[in-house]
Structure formats: C-alpha cells, structure tokens
PDB file of N, CA and C in Angstrom:
ATOM      1  N   MET A   1    -143.493 163.091-119.436  1.00  0.00           N
ATOM      2  CA  MET A   1    -144.308 164.158-119.957  1.00  0.00           C
ATOM      3  C   MET A   1    -143.402 165.307-120.414  1.00  0.00           C
ATOM      4  N   PHE A   2    -143.684 165.800-121.576  1.00  0.00           N
ATOM      5  CA  PHE A   2    -142.887 166.872-122.141  1.00  0.00           C
ATOM      6  C   PHE A   2    -143.313 168.216-121.559  1.00  0.00           C
ATOM      7  N   PRO A   3    -142.394 169.161-121.479  1.00  0.00           N
ATOM      8  CA  PRO A   3    -142.727 170.466-120.891  1.00  0.00           C
ATOM      9  C   PRO A   3    -143.447 171.400-121.859  1.00  0.00           C
ATOM     10  N   PHE A   4    -144.341 170.855-122.643  1.00  0.00           N
ATOM     11  CA  PHE A   4    -145.154 171.683-123.517  1.00  0.00           C
ATOM     12  C   PHE A   4    -146.418 170.919-123.853  1.00  0.00           C
ATOM     13  N   GLY A   5    -147.357 171.597-124.432  1.00  0.00           N
ATOM     14  CA  GLY A   5    -148.614 170.963-124.764  1.00  0.00           C
ATOM     15  C   GLY A   5    -149.727 171.466-123.870  1.00  0.00           C
ATOM     16  N   PHE A   6    -150.914 170.972-124.135  1.00  0.00           N
ATOM     17  CA  PHE A   6    -152.108 171.447-123.443  1.00  0.00           C
ATOM     18  C   PHE A   6    -152.096 171.097-121.960  1.00  0.00           C
ATOM     19  N   ASP A   7    -151.764 169.865-121.615  1.00  0.00           N
ATOM     20  CA  ASP A   7    -151.783 169.452-120.207  1.00  0.00           C
ATOM     21  C   ASP A   7    -150.786 170.251-119.369  1.00  0.00           C
ATOM     22  N   TRP A   8    -149.623 170.494-119.928  1.00  0.00           N
ATOM     23  CA  TRP A   8    -148.594 171.258-119.234  1.00  0.00           C
ATOM     24  C   TRP A   8    -149.072 172.687-118.984  1.00  0.00           C
ATOM     25  N   LYS A   9    -149.664 173.291-120.002  1.00  0.00           N
ATOM     26  CA  LYS A   9    -150.163 174.660-119.895  1.00  0.00           C
ATOM     27  C   LYS A   9    -151.275 174.735-118.847  1.00  0.00           C
ATOM     28  N   LEU A  10    -152.155 173.754-118.864  1.00  0.00           N
ATOM     29  CA  LEU A  10    -153.260 173.718-117.912  1.00  0.00           C
ATOM     30  C   LEU A  10    -152.754 173.563-116.483  1.00  0.00           C
ATOM     31  N   LYS A  11    -151.746 172.732-116.297  1.00  0.00           N
ATOM     32  CA  LYS A  11    -151.159 172.529-114.975  1.00  0.00           C
ATOM     33  C   LYS A  11    -150.542 173.821-114.452  1.00  0.00           C
ATOM     34  N   ASN A  12    -149.837 174.535-115.302  1.00  0.00           N
ATOM     35  CA  ASN A  12    -149.212 175.802-114.893  1.00  0.00           C
ATOM     36  C   ASN A  12    -150.253 176.873-114.576  1.00  0.00           C
ATOM     37  N   LEU A  13    -151.341 176.908-115.348  1.00  0.00           N
ATOM     38  CA  LEU A  13    -152.389 177.879-115.063  1.00  0.00           C
ATOM     39  C   LEU A  13    -153.066 177.573-113.728  1.00  0.00           C
ATOM     40  N   ARG A  14    -153.272 176.304-113.429  1.00  0.00           N
ATOM     41  CA  ARG A  14    -153.881 175.922-112.154  1.00  0.00           C
ATOM     42  C   ARG A  14    -152.952 176.301-110.989  1.00  0.00           C
ATOM     43  N   LYS A  15    -151.640 176.091-111.181  1.00  0.00           N
ATOM     44  CA  LYS A  15    -150.673 176.451-110.148  1.00  0.00           C
ATOM     45  C   LYS A  15    -150.675 177.967-109.910  1.00  0.00           C
ATOM     46  N   LYS A  16    -150.741 178.726-110.987  1.00  0.00           N
ATOM     47  CA  LYS A  16    -150.774 180.177-110.885  1.00  0.00           C
ATOM     48  C   LYS A  16    -152.048 180.626-110.164  1.00  0.00           C
ATOM     49  N   TRP A  17    -153.172 179.986-110.486  1.00  0.00           N
ATOM     50  CA  TRP A  17    -154.439 180.295-109.832  1.00  0.00           C
ATOM     51  C   TRP A  17    -154.343 180.041-108.329  1.00  0.00           C
ATOM     52  N   CYS A  18    -153.740 178.928-107.944  1.00  0.00           N
ATOM     53  CA  CYS A  18    -153.595 178.581-106.522  1.00  0.00           C
ATOM     54  C   CYS A  18    -152.729 179.602-105.786  1.00  0.00           C
ATOM     55  N   LYS A  19    -151.640 180.039-106.414  1.00  0.00           N
ATOM     56  CA  LYS A  19    -150.767 181.034-105.785  1.00  0.00           C
ATOM     57  C   LYS A  19    -151.488 182.361-105.596  1.00  0.00           C
ATOM     58  N   LEU A  20    -152.249 182.772-106.601  1.00  0.00           N
ATOM     59  CA  LEU A  20    -152.994 184.018-106.483  1.00  0.00           C
ATOM     60  C   LEU A  20    -154.066 183.907-105.397  1.00  0.00           C
ATOM     61  N   ARG A  21    -154.697 182.750-105.302  1.00  0.00           N
ATOM     62  CA  ARG A  21    -155.720 182.542-104.278  1.00  0.00           C
ATOM     63  C   ARG A  21    -155.109 182.658-102.882  1.00  0.00           C
ATOM     64  N   LEU A  22    -153.929 182.106-102.692  1.00  0.00           N
ATOM     65  CA  LEU A  22    -153.267 182.214-101.394  1.00  0.00           C
ATOM     66  C   LEU A  22    -152.928 183.670-101.054  1.00  0.00           C
ATOM     67  N   LYS A  23    -152.521 184.439-102.063  1.00  0.00           N
ATOM     68  CA  LYS A  23    -152.228 185.855-101.829  1.00  0.00           C
ATOM     69  C   LYS A  23    -153.491 186.611-101.424  1.00  0.00           C
ATOM     70  N   VAL A  24    -154.599 186.278-102.084  1.00  0.00           N
ATOM     71  CA  VAL A  24    -155.855 186.962-101.788  1.00  0.00           C
ATOM     72  C   VAL A  24    -156.345 186.588-100.386  1.00  0.00           C
ATOM     73  N   LEU A  25    -156.123 185.360 -99.975  1.00  0.00           N
ATOM     74  CA  LEU A  25    -156.543 184.931 -98.640  1.00  0.00           C
ATOM     75  C   LEU A  25    -155.839 185.719 -97.533  1.00  0.00           C
ATOM     76  N   LYS A  26    -154.652 186.211 -97.806  1.00  0.00           N
ATOM     77  CA  LYS A  26    -153.889 186.965 -96.809  1.00  0.00           C
ATOM     78  C   LYS A  26    -154.333 188.423 -96.713  1.00  0.00           C
ATOM     79  N   MET A  27    -155.187 188.853 -97.622  1.00  0.00           N
ATOM     80  CA  MET A  27    -155.629 190.243 -97.639  1.00  0.00           C
ATOM     81  C   MET A  27    -156.735 190.475 -96.616  1.00  0.00           C
ATOM     82  N   GLU A  28    -157.072 191.748 -96.414  1.00  0.00           N
ATOM     83  CA  GLU A  28    -158.163 192.109 -95.519  1.00  0.00           C
ATOM     84  C   GLU A  28    -159.496 191.750 -96.166  1.00  0.00           C
ATOM     85  N   LYS A  29    -160.518 191.577 -95.352  1.00  0.00           N
ATOM     86  CA  LYS A  29    -161.809 191.090 -95.823  1.00  0.00           C
ATOM     87  C   LYS A  29    -162.466 191.999 -96.855  1.00  0.00           C
ATOM     88  N   GLU A  30    -162.365 193.301 -96.700  1.00  0.00           N
ATOM     89  CA  GLU A  30    -163.028 194.222 -97.623  1.00  0.00           C
ATOM     90  C   GLU A  30    -162.459 194.091 -99.042  1.00  0.00           C
ATOM     91  N   GLU A  31    -161.172 193.891 -99.138  1.00  0.00           N
ATOM     92  CA  GLU A  31    -160.502 193.826-100.437  1.00  0.00           C
ATOM     93  C   GLU A  31    -160.680 192.464-101.102  1.00  0.00           C
ATOM     94  N   ARG A  32    -160.916 191.443-100.320  1.00  0.00           N
ATOM     95  CA  ARG A  32    -160.961 190.082-100.841  1.00  0.00           C
ATOM     96  C   ARG A  32    -162.188 189.774-101.685  1.00  0.00           C
ATOM     97  N   LYS A  33    -163.328 190.362-101.389  1.00  0.00           N
ATOM     98  CA  LYS A  33    -164.592 189.986-102.011  1.00  0.00           C
ATOM     99  C   LYS A  33    -164.540 190.044-103.534  1.00  0.00           C
ATOM    100  N   ALA A  34    -164.123 191.159-104.079  1.00  0.00           N
ATOM    101  CA  ALA A  34    -164.087 191.323-105.534  1.00  0.00           C
ATOM    102  C   ALA A  34    -163.081 190.359-106.170  1.00  0.00           C
ATOM    103  N   LEU A  35    -161.945 190.180-105.518  1.00  0.00           N
ATOM    104  CA  LEU A  35    -160.926 189.288-106.075  1.00  0.00           C
ATOM    105  C   LEU A  35    -161.377 187.823-106.026  1.00  0.00           C
ATOM    106  N   PHE A  36    -162.095 187.445-104.967  1.00  0.00           N
ATOM    107  CA  PHE A  36    -162.608 186.079-104.910  1.00  0.00           C
ATOM    108  C   PHE A  36    -163.631 185.825-106.008  1.00  0.00           C
ATOM    109  N   ASP A  37    -164.439 186.835-106.321  1.00  0.00           N
ATOM    110  CA  ASP A  37    -165.388 186.681-107.429  1.00  0.00           C
ATOM    111  C   ASP A  37    -164.652 186.460-108.745  1.00  0.00           C
ATOM    112  N   MET A  38    -163.578 187.212-108.947  1.00  0.00           N
ATOM    113  CA  MET A  38    -162.785 187.041-110.170  1.00  0.00           C
ATOM    114  C   MET A  38    -162.132 185.656-110.199  1.00  0.00           C
ATOM    115  N   LEU A  39    -161.607 185.218-109.053  1.00  0.00           N
ATOM    116  CA  LEU A  39    -160.977 183.905-108.970  1.00  0.00           C
ATOM    117  C   LEU A  39    -161.990 182.781-109.220  1.00  0.00           C
ATOM    118  N   ASP A  40    -163.205 182.951-108.738  1.00  0.00           N
ATOM    119  CA  ASP A  40    -164.243 181.947-108.966  1.00  0.00           C
ATOM    120  C   ASP A  40    -164.583 181.827-110.450  1.00  0.00           C
ATOM    121  N   ASP A  41    -164.652 182.963-111.140  1.00  0.00           N
ATOM    122  CA  ASP A  41    -164.916 182.925-112.577  1.00  0.00           C
ATOM    123  C   ASP A  41    -163.815 182.170-113.320  1.00  0.00           C
ATOM    124  N   VAL A  42    -162.580 182.437-112.948  1.00  0.00           N
ATOM    125  CA  VAL A  42    -161.449 181.770-113.604  1.00  0.00           C
ATOM    126  C   VAL A  42    -161.461 180.276-113.276  1.00  0.00           C
ATOM    127  N   GLU A  43    -161.821 179.936-112.041  1.00  0.00           N
ATOM    128  CA  GLU A  43    -161.833 178.524-111.659  1.00  0.00           C
ATOM    129  C   GLU A  43    -162.871 177.736-112.456  1.00  0.00           C
ATOM    130  N   GLN A  44    -164.011 178.343-112.719  1.00  0.00           N
ATOM    131  CA  GLN A  44    -165.032 177.660-113.522  1.00  0.00           C
ATOM    132  C   GLN A  44    -164.495 177.334-114.919  1.00  0.00           C
ATOM    133  N   GLU A  45    -163.777 178.267-115.484  1.00  0.00           N
ATOM    134  CA  GLU A  45    -163.177 178.035-116.801  1.00  0.00           C
ATOM    135  C   GLU A  45    -162.125 176.924-116.730  1.00  0.00           C
ATOM    136  N   LEU A  46    -161.307 176.948-115.672  1.00  0.00           N
ATOM    137  CA  LEU A  46    -160.289 175.907-115.510  1.00  0.00           C
ATOM    138  C   LEU A  46    -160.928 174.530-115.356  1.00  0.00           C
ATOM    139  N   ARG A  47    -161.996 174.454-114.589  1.00  0.00           N
ATOM    140  CA  ARG A  47    -162.686 173.164-114.429  1.00  0.00           C
ATOM    141  C   ARG A  47    -163.237 172.668-115.753  1.00  0.00           C
ATOM    142  N   THR A  48    -163.764 173.584-116.542  1.00  0.00           N
ATOM    143  CA  THR A  48    -164.271 173.203-117.858  1.00  0.00           C
ATOM    144  C   THR A  48    -163.155 172.599-118.695  1.00  0.00           C
ATOM    145  N   LEU A  49    -161.997 173.233-118.672  1.00  0.00           N
ATOM    146  CA  LEU A  49    -160.861 172.729-119.444  1.00  0.00           C
ATOM    147  C   LEU A  49    -160.393 171.364-118.940  1.00  0.00           C
ATOM    148  N   GLU A  50    -160.409 171.172-117.625  1.00  0.00           N
ATOM    149  CA  GLU A  50    -159.905 169.930-117.053  1.00  0.00           C
ATOM    150  C   GLU A  50    -160.865 168.754-117.244  1.00  0.00           C
ATOM    151  N   GLU A  51    -162.158 169.013-117.167  1.00  0.00           N
ATOM    152  CA  GLU A  51    -163.113 167.916-117.101  1.00  0.00           C
ATOM    153  C   GLU A  51    -163.800 167.572-118.417  1.00  0.00           C
ATOM    154  N   GLU A  52    -163.941 168.518-119.310  1.00  0.00           N
ATOM    155  CA  GLU A  52    -164.719 168.269-120.511  1.00  0.00           C
ATOM    156  C   GLU A  52    -163.829 168.033-121.726  1.00  0.00           C
ATOM    157  N   GLU A  53    -164.350 167.236-122.633  1.00  0.00           N
ATOM    158  CA  GLU A  53    -163.696 167.029-123.927  1.00  0.00           C
ATOM    159  C   GLU A  53    -164.127 168.170-124.844  1.00  0.00           C
ATOM    160  N   LEU A  54    -163.177 168.980-125.257  1.00  0.00           N
ATOM    161  CA  LEU A  54    -163.475 170.156-126.069  1.00  0.00           C
ATOM    162  C   LEU A  54    -162.700 170.100-127.380  1.00  0.00           C
ATOM    163  N   THR A  55    -163.195 170.827-128.357  1.00  0.00           N
ATOM    164  CA  THR A  55    -162.448 170.949-129.600  1.00  0.00           C
ATOM    165  C   THR A  55    -161.260 171.870-129.359  1.00  0.00           C
ATOM    166  N   ARG A  56    -160.320 171.827-130.252  1.00  0.00           N
ATOM    167  CA  ARG A  56    -159.121 172.663-130.104  1.00  0.00           C
ATOM    168  C   ARG A  56    -159.478 174.146-130.073  1.00  0.00           C
ATOM    169  N   ALA A  57    -160.410 174.549-130.915  1.00  0.00           N
ATOM    170  CA  ALA A  57    -160.811 175.960-130.954  1.00  0.00           C
ATOM    171  C   ALA A  57    -161.429 176.397-129.631  1.00  0.00           C
ATOM    172  N   ASP A  58    -162.274 175.549-129.046  1.00  0.00           N
ATOM    173  CA  ASP A  58    -162.882 175.875-127.758  1.00  0.00           C
ATOM    174  C   ASP A  58    -161.830 175.965-126.658  1.00  0.00           C
ATOM    175  N   ARG A  59    -160.889 175.031-126.673  1.00  0.00           N
ATOM    176  CA  ARG A  59    -159.820 175.056-125.669  1.00  0.00           C
ATOM    177  C   ARG A  59    -159.025 176.344-125.750  1.00  0.00           C
ATOM    178  N   VAL A  60    -158.671 176.749-126.945  1.00  0.00           N
ATOM    179  CA  VAL A  60    -157.881 177.971-127.125  1.00  0.00           C
ATOM    180  C   VAL A  60    -158.666 179.185-126.646  1.00  0.00           C
ATOM    181  N   ARG A  61    -159.938 179.233-126.980  1.00  0.00           N
ATOM    182  CA  ARG A  61    -160.778 180.363-126.576  1.00  0.00           C
ATOM    183  C   ARG A  61    -160.873 180.448-125.057  1.00  0.00           C
ATOM    184  N   ILE A  62    -161.091 179.320-124.405  1.00  0.00           N
ATOM    185  CA  ILE A  62    -161.215 179.309-122.949  1.00  0.00           C
ATOM    186  C   ILE A  62    -159.861 179.589-122.290  1.00  0.00           C
ATOM    187  N   LEU A  63    -158.769 179.057-122.860  1.00  0.00           N
ATOM    188  CA  LEU A  63    -157.433 179.332-122.323  1.00  0.00           C
ATOM    189  C   LEU A  63    -157.133 180.826-122.334  1.00  0.00           C
ATOM    190  N   GLU A  64    -157.520 181.506-123.407  1.00  0.00           N
ATOM    191  CA  GLU A  64    -157.295 182.950-123.481  1.00  0.00           C
ATOM    192  C   GLU A  64    -158.060 183.684-122.382  1.00  0.00           C
ATOM    193  N   ARG A  65    -159.296 183.250-122.129  1.00  0.00           N
ATOM    194  CA  ARG A  65    -160.080 183.890-121.071  1.00  0.00           C
ATOM    195  C   ARG A  65    -159.456 183.653-119.701  1.00  0.00           C
ATOM    196  N   VAL A  66    -158.943 182.442-119.475  1.00  0.00           N
ATOM    197  CA  VAL A  66    -158.304 182.122-118.199  1.00  0.00           C
ATOM    198  C   VAL A  66    -157.052 182.975-118.011  1.00  0.00           C
ATOM    199  N   GLU A  67    -156.208 183.036-119.033  1.00  0.00           N
ATOM    200  CA  GLU A  67    -154.979 183.817-118.942  1.00  0.00           C
ATOM    201  C   GLU A  67    -155.289 185.300-118.720  1.00  0.00           C
ATOM    202  N   THR A  68    -156.288 185.812-119.410  1.00  0.00           N
ATOM    203  CA  THR A  68    -156.672 187.216-119.245  1.00  0.00           C
ATOM    204  C   THR A  68    -157.188 187.468-117.831  1.00  0.00           C
ATOM    205  N   GLY A  69    -158.000 186.548-117.324  1.00  0.00           N
ATOM    206  CA  GLY A  69    -158.519 186.696-115.965  1.00  0.00           C
ATOM    207  C   GLY A  69    -157.420 186.690-114.921  1.00  0.00           C
ATOM    208  N   LEU A  70    -156.444 185.795-115.080  1.00  0.00           N
ATOM    209  CA  LEU A  70    -155.335 185.736-114.137  1.00  0.00           C
ATOM    210  C   LEU A  70    -154.480 187.001-114.202  1.00  0.00           C
ATOM    211  N   LYS A  71    -154.293 187.540-115.405  1.00  0.00           N
ATOM    212  CA  LYS A  71    -153.530 188.787-115.544  1.00  0.00           C
ATOM    213  C   LYS A  71    -154.254 189.947-114.877  1.00  0.00           C
ATOM    214  N   GLU A  72    -155.587 189.988-115.008  1.00  0.00           N
ATOM    215  CA  GLU A  72    -156.359 191.055-114.364  1.00  0.00           C
ATOM    216  C   GLU A  72    -156.215 190.982-112.847  1.00  0.00           C
ATOM    217  N   ILE A  73    -156.251 189.776-112.310  1.00  0.00           N
ATOM    218  CA  ILE A  73    -156.107 189.611-110.862  1.00  0.00           C
ATOM    219  C   ILE A  73    -154.719 190.055-110.421  1.00  0.00           C
ATOM    220  N   GLU A  74    -153.687 189.679-111.191  1.00  0.00           N
ATOM    221  CA  GLU A  74    -152.328 190.104-110.855  1.00  0.00           C
ATOM    222  C   GLU A  74    -152.204 191.617-110.907  1.00  0.00           C
ATOM    223  N   GLU A  75    -152.806 192.244-111.907  1.00  0.00           N
ATOM    224  CA  GLU A  75    -152.751 193.699-112.027  1.00  0.00           C
ATOM    225  C   GLU A  75    -153.456 194.363-110.859  1.00  0.00           C
ATOM    226  N   THR A  76    -154.519 193.765-110.380  1.00  0.00           N
ATOM    227  CA  THR A  76    -155.234 194.315-109.239  1.00  0.00           C
ATOM    228  C   THR A  76    -154.393 194.203-107.975  1.00  0.00           C
ATOM    229  N   LEU A  77    -153.615 193.149-107.852  1.00  0.00           N
ATOM    230  CA  LEU A  77    -152.778 192.960-106.675  1.00  0.00           C
ATOM    231  C   LEU A  77    -151.517 193.818-106.708  1.00  0.00           C
ATOM    232  N   LYS A  78    -150.994 194.139-107.887  1.00  0.00           N
ATOM    233  CA  LYS A  78    -149.743 194.886-107.999  1.00  0.00           C
ATOM    234  C   LYS A  78    -149.802 196.275-107.370  1.00  0.00           C
ATOM    235  N   PRO A  79    -150.788 197.098-107.694  1.00  0.00           N
ATOM    236  CA  PRO A  79    -150.800 198.435-107.091  1.00  0.00           C
ATOM    237  C   PRO A  79    -150.871 198.375-105.568  1.00  0.00           C
ATOM    238  N   ARG A  80    -151.506 197.369-105.041  1.00  0.00           N
ATOM    239  CA  ARG A  80    -151.591 197.199-103.594  1.00  0.00           C
ATOM    240  C   ARG A  80    -150.196 197.047-103.006  1.00  0.00           C
ATOM    241  N   LYS A  81    -149.337 196.270-103.644  1.00  0.00           N
ATOM    242  CA  LYS A  81    -147.978 196.071-103.152  1.00  0.00           C
ATOM    243  C   LYS A  81    -147.189 197.373-103.194  1.00  0.00           C
ATOM    244  N   GLU A  82    -147.342 198.136-104.265  1.00  0.00           N
ATOM    245  CA  GLU A  82    -146.601 199.384-104.397  1.00  0.00           C
ATOM    246  C   GLU A  82    -147.028 200.385-103.324  1.00  0.00           C
ATOM    247  N   LYS A  83    -148.303 200.406-102.972  1.00  0.00           N
ATOM    248  CA  LYS A  83    -148.784 201.322-101.951  1.00  0.00           C
ATOM    249  C   LYS A  83    -148.230 200.967-100.581  1.00  0.00           C
ATOM    250  N   GLU A  84    -148.132 199.684-100.298  1.00  0.00           N
ATOM    251  CA  GLU A  84    -147.649 199.244 -98.992  1.00  0.00           C
ATOM    252  C   GLU A  84    -146.214 199.664 -98.731  1.00  0.00           C
ATOM    253  N   PHE A  85    -145.365 199.605 -99.733  1.00  0.00           N
ATOM    254  CA  PHE A  85    -143.944 199.845 -99.542  1.00  0.00           C
ATOM    255  C   PHE A  85    -143.527 201.248 -99.916  1.00  0.00           C
ATOM    256  N   ASN A  86    -144.443 202.150-100.093  1.00  0.00           N
ATOM    257  CA  ASN A  86    -144.122 203.553-100.354  1.00  0.00           C
ATOM    258  C   ASN A  86    -143.807 204.242 -99.043  1.00  0.00           C
ATOM    259  N   PHE A  87    -142.607 204.776 -98.911  1.00  0.00           N
ATOM    260  CA  PHE A  87    -142.207 205.420 -97.667  1.00  0.00           C
ATOM    261  C   PHE A  87    -142.343 206.903 -97.773  1.00  0.00           C
TER     262      PHE A  87
END
C-alpha cells in the first residue's frame, strides 16, 4: 500500500481520532461532555467514509468536515495544556 490516497488518509484520520479520544478520557468529567459530543459527530462522519460507497466529491466534502472537527477538538484541548503548566 502506498503512503498516499484515500485509504491512507482515512486511516490517519481514524488514528488521530483515537488519540484525541484517549486524551479526552483522561480529563475530568465536567470537561469531557462537550468534547465527547464533538468526537461523536466526527466519528459518524468517519464511519460514513469507511462503510459507504461515495462519489469523489462527497468524500472530499466529508473529509473536510472530519479534518475541521478534529482541528476544533485539538484547539479546545490546547488552551487546557497551557493553563496547567503556567507557573
């Protein structure tokens, strides 16, 4: 398998989703709720990409939504890290 193409991109997005989910699981319960909702939305899109036969245009549109959702989750987690290590 070549390190490019749709399957490769999908595999990397799923791996990124799993890593973010593990980070969210380590958080306190109050903070987790909103992030889990965001992760669930992204997972539905990922499942659609993995299971359904889609046209190229649909795949690209859904991939953009997945990437945007993952970036939003990362941005939400970043300020939390900066606050923790502020002395």
